[in-house]
């Protein structure tokens, strides 16, 4: 297991120590959890979110009751151009 030395001012150390005690954890375990939470939150980039959504989409079961809607008539395309 790796070790890390932190140089903290007394006020910051006191806050960290108190929070660890309130959570019933050692100072090391509490600090490691904060660091882990920080990096876990950073890991949720847009690219990863889209990758997860794509995995969910690909894993979905086909819906046998789905029917493809009819093709929209060409005339409606010209009407839609007026809204662009």
N, C-alpha and C. Protein backbone atom coordinates (compact mmCIF):
# COMPACT_ATOMS: atom_id res chain seq x y z
N UNK A 1 0.85 -1.17 0.00
CA UNK A 1 0.00 0.00 0.00
C UNK A 1 0.90 1.24 0.00
N UNK A 2 0.53 2.21 -0.80
CA UNK A 2 1.31 3.45 -0.90
C UNK A 2 1.03 4.37 0.27
N UNK A 3 1.97 5.27 0.50
CA UNK A 3 1.82 6.27 1.55
C UNK A 3 1.93 7.65 0.95
N UNK A 4 1.30 8.62 1.62
CA UNK A 4 1.32 10.00 1.18
C UNK A 4 1.49 10.89 2.39
N UNK A 5 2.40 11.83 2.32
CA UNK A 5 2.56 12.81 3.40
C UNK A 5 1.87 14.10 2.99
N UNK A 6 1.04 14.61 3.87
CA UNK A 6 0.34 15.87 3.61
C UNK A 6 0.80 16.91 4.63
N UNK A 7 1.06 18.09 4.16
CA UNK A 7 1.41 19.19 5.05
C UNK A 7 0.21 20.12 5.10
N UNK A 8 -0.48 20.11 6.23
CA UNK A 8 -1.70 20.89 6.40
C UNK A 8 -1.52 21.90 7.52
N UNK A 9 -2.21 23.04 7.37
CA UNK A 9 -2.21 23.98 8.49
C UNK A 9 -3.07 23.39 9.60
N UNK A 10 -2.92 23.90 10.80
CA UNK A 10 -3.60 23.33 11.97
C UNK A 10 -5.11 23.35 11.84
N UNK A 11 -5.66 24.42 11.28
CA UNK A 11 -7.11 24.53 11.14
C UNK A 11 -7.66 23.46 10.20
N UNK A 12 -7.00 23.26 9.05
CA UNK A 12 -7.43 22.24 8.08
C UNK A 12 -7.30 20.85 8.68
N UNK A 13 -6.20 20.59 9.38
CA UNK A 13 -6.01 19.29 10.00
C UNK A 13 -7.09 19.03 11.05
N UNK A 14 -7.43 20.05 11.81
CA UNK A 14 -8.46 19.90 12.84
C UNK A 14 -9.81 19.56 12.21
N UNK A 15 -10.16 20.25 11.13
CA UNK A 15 -11.43 19.98 10.43
C UNK A 15 -11.45 18.55 9.89
N UNK A 16 -10.35 18.14 9.27
CA UNK A 16 -10.26 16.80 8.69
C UNK A 16 -10.34 15.73 9.78
N UNK A 17 -9.64 15.95 10.85
CA UNK A 17 -9.63 15.00 11.96
C UNK A 17 -11.01 14.88 12.60
N UNK A 18 -11.67 16.01 12.80
CA UNK A 18 -13.02 15.99 13.39
C UNK A 18 -14.01 15.27 12.49
N UNK A 19 -13.93 15.54 11.19
CA UNK A 19 -14.85 14.89 10.25
C UNK A 19 -14.62 13.39 10.22
N UNK A 20 -13.37 12.96 10.28
CA UNK A 20 -13.07 11.53 10.30
C UNK A 20 -13.67 10.87 11.54
N UNK A 21 -13.52 11.52 12.68
CA UNK A 21 -14.08 10.97 13.92
C UNK A 21 -15.60 10.90 13.85
N UNK A 22 -16.24 11.97 13.32
CA UNK A 22 -17.70 11.99 13.19
C UNK A 22 -18.20 10.85 12.31
N UNK A 23 -17.40 10.47 11.34
CA UNK A 23 -17.78 9.39 10.42
C UNK A 23 -17.30 8.02 10.88
N UNK A 24 -16.66 7.99 12.05
CA UNK A 24 -16.20 6.72 12.61
C UNK A 24 -15.11 6.05 11.79
N UNK A 25 -14.26 6.88 11.17
CA UNK A 25 -13.19 6.35 10.35
C UNK A 25 -11.85 6.88 10.82
N UNK A 26 -10.82 6.14 10.45
CA UNK A 26 -9.47 6.65 10.73
C UNK A 26 -9.22 7.84 9.81
N UNK A 27 -8.26 8.65 10.17
CA UNK A 27 -7.89 9.81 9.37
C UNK A 27 -7.47 9.37 7.96
N UNK A 28 -6.68 8.30 7.88
CA UNK A 28 -6.24 7.79 6.58
C UNK A 28 -7.41 7.34 5.72
N UNK A 29 -8.29 6.54 6.30
CA UNK A 29 -9.42 6.01 5.54
C UNK A 29 -10.35 7.14 5.08
N UNK A 30 -10.60 8.10 5.95
CA UNK A 30 -11.49 9.21 5.60
C UNK A 30 -10.88 10.06 4.48
N UNK A 31 -9.59 10.36 4.60
CA UNK A 31 -8.91 11.17 3.57
C UNK A 31 -8.88 10.42 2.24
N UNK A 32 -8.62 9.13 2.27
CA UNK A 32 -8.60 8.33 1.05
C UNK A 32 -9.98 8.33 0.38
N UNK A 33 -11.04 8.27 1.19
CA UNK A 33 -12.40 8.28 0.65
C UNK A 33 -12.70 9.62 -0.04
N UNK A 34 -12.23 10.72 0.55
CA UNK A 34 -12.43 12.03 -0.07
C UNK A 34 -11.71 12.11 -1.41
N UNK A 35 -10.48 11.63 -1.45
CA UNK A 35 -9.70 11.64 -2.68
C UNK A 35 -10.37 10.75 -3.73
N UNK A 36 -10.80 9.57 -3.33
CA UNK A 36 -11.46 8.66 -4.25
C UNK A 36 -12.74 9.28 -4.80
N UNK A 37 -13.53 9.91 -3.95
CA UNK A 37 -14.77 10.56 -4.37
C UNK A 37 -14.48 11.67 -5.38
N UNK A 38 -13.43 12.41 -5.15
CA UNK A 38 -13.05 13.49 -6.06
C UNK A 38 -12.76 12.95 -7.45
N UNK A 39 -11.96 11.90 -7.53
CA UNK A 39 -11.60 11.35 -8.83
C UNK A 39 -12.76 10.61 -9.47
N UNK A 40 -13.63 10.01 -8.68
CA UNK A 40 -14.80 9.34 -9.24
C UNK A 40 -15.74 10.36 -9.88
N UNK A 41 -15.92 11.50 -9.23
CA UNK A 41 -16.78 12.55 -9.78
C UNK A 41 -16.19 13.11 -11.07
N UNK A 42 -14.88 13.26 -11.13
CA UNK A 42 -14.22 13.77 -12.33
C UNK A 42 -14.33 12.79 -13.48
N UNK A 43 -14.49 11.51 -13.18
CA UNK A 43 -14.50 10.48 -14.21
C UNK A 43 -15.75 10.53 -15.08
N UNK A 44 -16.78 11.22 -14.63
CA UNK A 44 -18.03 11.27 -15.38
C UNK A 44 -18.00 12.39 -16.41
N UNK A 45 -17.16 12.21 -17.42
CA UNK A 45 -17.08 13.18 -18.49
C UNK A 45 -18.22 12.93 -19.47
N UNK A 46 -18.45 13.90 -20.34
CA UNK A 46 -19.49 13.74 -21.35
C UNK A 46 -19.26 12.51 -22.20
N UNK A 47 -18.01 12.26 -22.56
CA UNK A 47 -17.70 11.10 -23.41
C UNK A 47 -18.09 9.81 -22.70
N UNK A 48 -17.81 9.70 -21.42
CA UNK A 48 -18.16 8.49 -20.68
C UNK A 48 -19.66 8.35 -20.52
N UNK A 49 -20.35 9.48 -20.34
CA UNK A 49 -21.81 9.44 -20.22
C UNK A 49 -22.41 8.91 -21.52
N UNK A 50 -21.94 9.45 -22.66
CA UNK A 50 -22.46 8.98 -23.94
C UNK A 50 -22.11 7.51 -24.18
N UNK A 51 -20.93 7.10 -23.74
CA UNK A 51 -20.54 5.69 -23.88
C UNK A 51 -21.49 4.80 -23.07
N UNK A 52 -21.81 5.22 -21.86
CA UNK A 52 -22.72 4.46 -21.01
C UNK A 52 -24.11 4.41 -21.63
N UNK A 53 -24.58 5.54 -22.14
CA UNK A 53 -25.89 5.55 -22.78
C UNK A 53 -25.92 4.64 -24.00
N UNK A 54 -24.83 4.64 -24.76
CA UNK A 54 -24.76 3.76 -25.93
C UNK A 54 -24.79 2.29 -25.51
N UNK A 55 -24.08 1.96 -24.44
CA UNK A 55 -24.10 0.59 -23.95
C UNK A 55 -25.51 0.18 -23.52
N UNK A 56 -26.21 1.10 -22.85
CA UNK A 56 -27.59 0.81 -22.45
C UNK A 56 -28.49 0.60 -23.66
N UNK A 57 -28.31 1.47 -24.66
CA UNK A 57 -29.11 1.36 -25.88
C UNK A 57 -28.84 0.03 -26.58
N UNK A 58 -27.57 -0.33 -26.70
CA UNK A 58 -27.20 -1.56 -27.39
C UNK A 58 -27.67 -2.81 -26.64
N UNK A 59 -27.81 -2.69 -25.32
CA UNK A 59 -28.20 -3.86 -24.54
C UNK A 59 -29.72 -4.00 -24.41
N UNK A 60 -30.45 -3.03 -24.92
CA UNK A 60 -31.91 -3.07 -24.82
C UNK A 60 -32.47 -4.22 -25.66
N UNK A 61 -33.50 -4.86 -25.16
CA UNK A 61 -34.13 -5.94 -25.89
C UNK A 61 -35.02 -5.35 -26.98
N UNK A 62 -35.07 -6.00 -28.13
CA UNK A 62 -35.93 -5.49 -29.20
C UNK A 62 -37.40 -5.54 -28.80
N UNK A 63 -38.14 -4.54 -29.22
CA UNK A 63 -39.57 -4.47 -28.94
C UNK A 63 -40.32 -5.00 -30.16
N UNK A 64 -40.85 -6.19 -30.04
CA UNK A 64 -41.53 -6.83 -31.16
C UNK A 64 -42.82 -6.11 -31.55
N UNK A 65 -43.34 -5.26 -30.65
CA UNK A 65 -44.60 -4.56 -30.95
C UNK A 65 -44.36 -3.26 -31.70
N UNK A 66 -43.11 -2.84 -31.83
CA UNK A 66 -42.80 -1.58 -32.51
C UNK A 66 -43.01 -1.72 -34.02
N UNK A 67 -43.68 -0.75 -34.58
CA UNK A 67 -43.83 -0.70 -36.04
C UNK A 67 -43.28 0.64 -36.52
N UNK A 68 -42.58 0.61 -37.62
CA UNK A 68 -41.98 1.82 -38.16
C UNK A 68 -43.07 2.74 -38.69
N UNK A 69 -43.00 4.02 -38.34
CA UNK A 69 -44.03 4.94 -38.84
C UNK A 69 -43.90 5.13 -40.35
N UNK A 70 -44.97 5.54 -41.01
CA UNK A 70 -44.90 5.74 -42.46
C UNK A 70 -43.96 6.89 -42.81
N UNK A 71 -43.43 6.85 -44.01
CA UNK A 71 -42.55 7.91 -44.51
C UNK A 71 -43.34 9.21 -44.62
N UNK A 72 -42.71 10.31 -44.23
CA UNK A 72 -43.36 11.61 -44.34
C UNK A 72 -43.35 12.03 -45.81
N UNK A 73 -44.49 12.46 -46.33
CA UNK A 73 -44.55 12.86 -47.74
C UNK A 73 -43.59 14.03 -48.03
N UNK A 74 -43.05 14.03 -49.21
CA UNK A 74 -42.06 15.01 -49.65
C UNK A 74 -42.58 16.45 -49.51
N UNK A 75 -43.86 16.68 -49.73
CA UNK A 75 -44.44 18.02 -49.66
C UNK A 75 -44.22 18.65 -48.28
N UNK A 76 -44.24 17.84 -47.25
CA UNK A 76 -44.05 18.36 -45.90
C UNK A 76 -42.63 18.87 -45.68
N UNK A 77 -41.66 18.29 -46.39
CA UNK A 77 -40.29 18.77 -46.27
C UNK A 77 -40.18 20.22 -46.72
N UNK A 78 -40.86 20.55 -47.82
CA UNK A 78 -40.84 21.94 -48.30
C UNK A 78 -41.51 22.87 -47.28
N UNK A 79 -42.55 22.41 -46.63
CA UNK A 79 -43.21 23.22 -45.61
C UNK A 79 -42.29 23.46 -44.41
N UNK A 80 -41.54 22.45 -44.05
CA UNK A 80 -40.63 22.55 -42.90
C UNK A 80 -39.50 23.55 -43.18
N UNK A 81 -39.10 23.68 -44.43
CA UNK A 81 -38.03 24.64 -44.78
C UNK A 81 -38.41 26.06 -44.40
N UNK A 82 -39.68 26.36 -44.38
CA UNK A 82 -40.14 27.71 -44.00
C UNK A 82 -39.86 28.02 -42.54
N UNK A 83 -39.70 26.99 -41.71
CA UNK A 83 -39.48 27.18 -40.28
C UNK A 83 -38.02 27.27 -39.91
N UNK A 84 -37.14 27.00 -40.85
CA UNK A 84 -35.70 27.01 -40.55
C UNK A 84 -35.13 28.40 -40.59
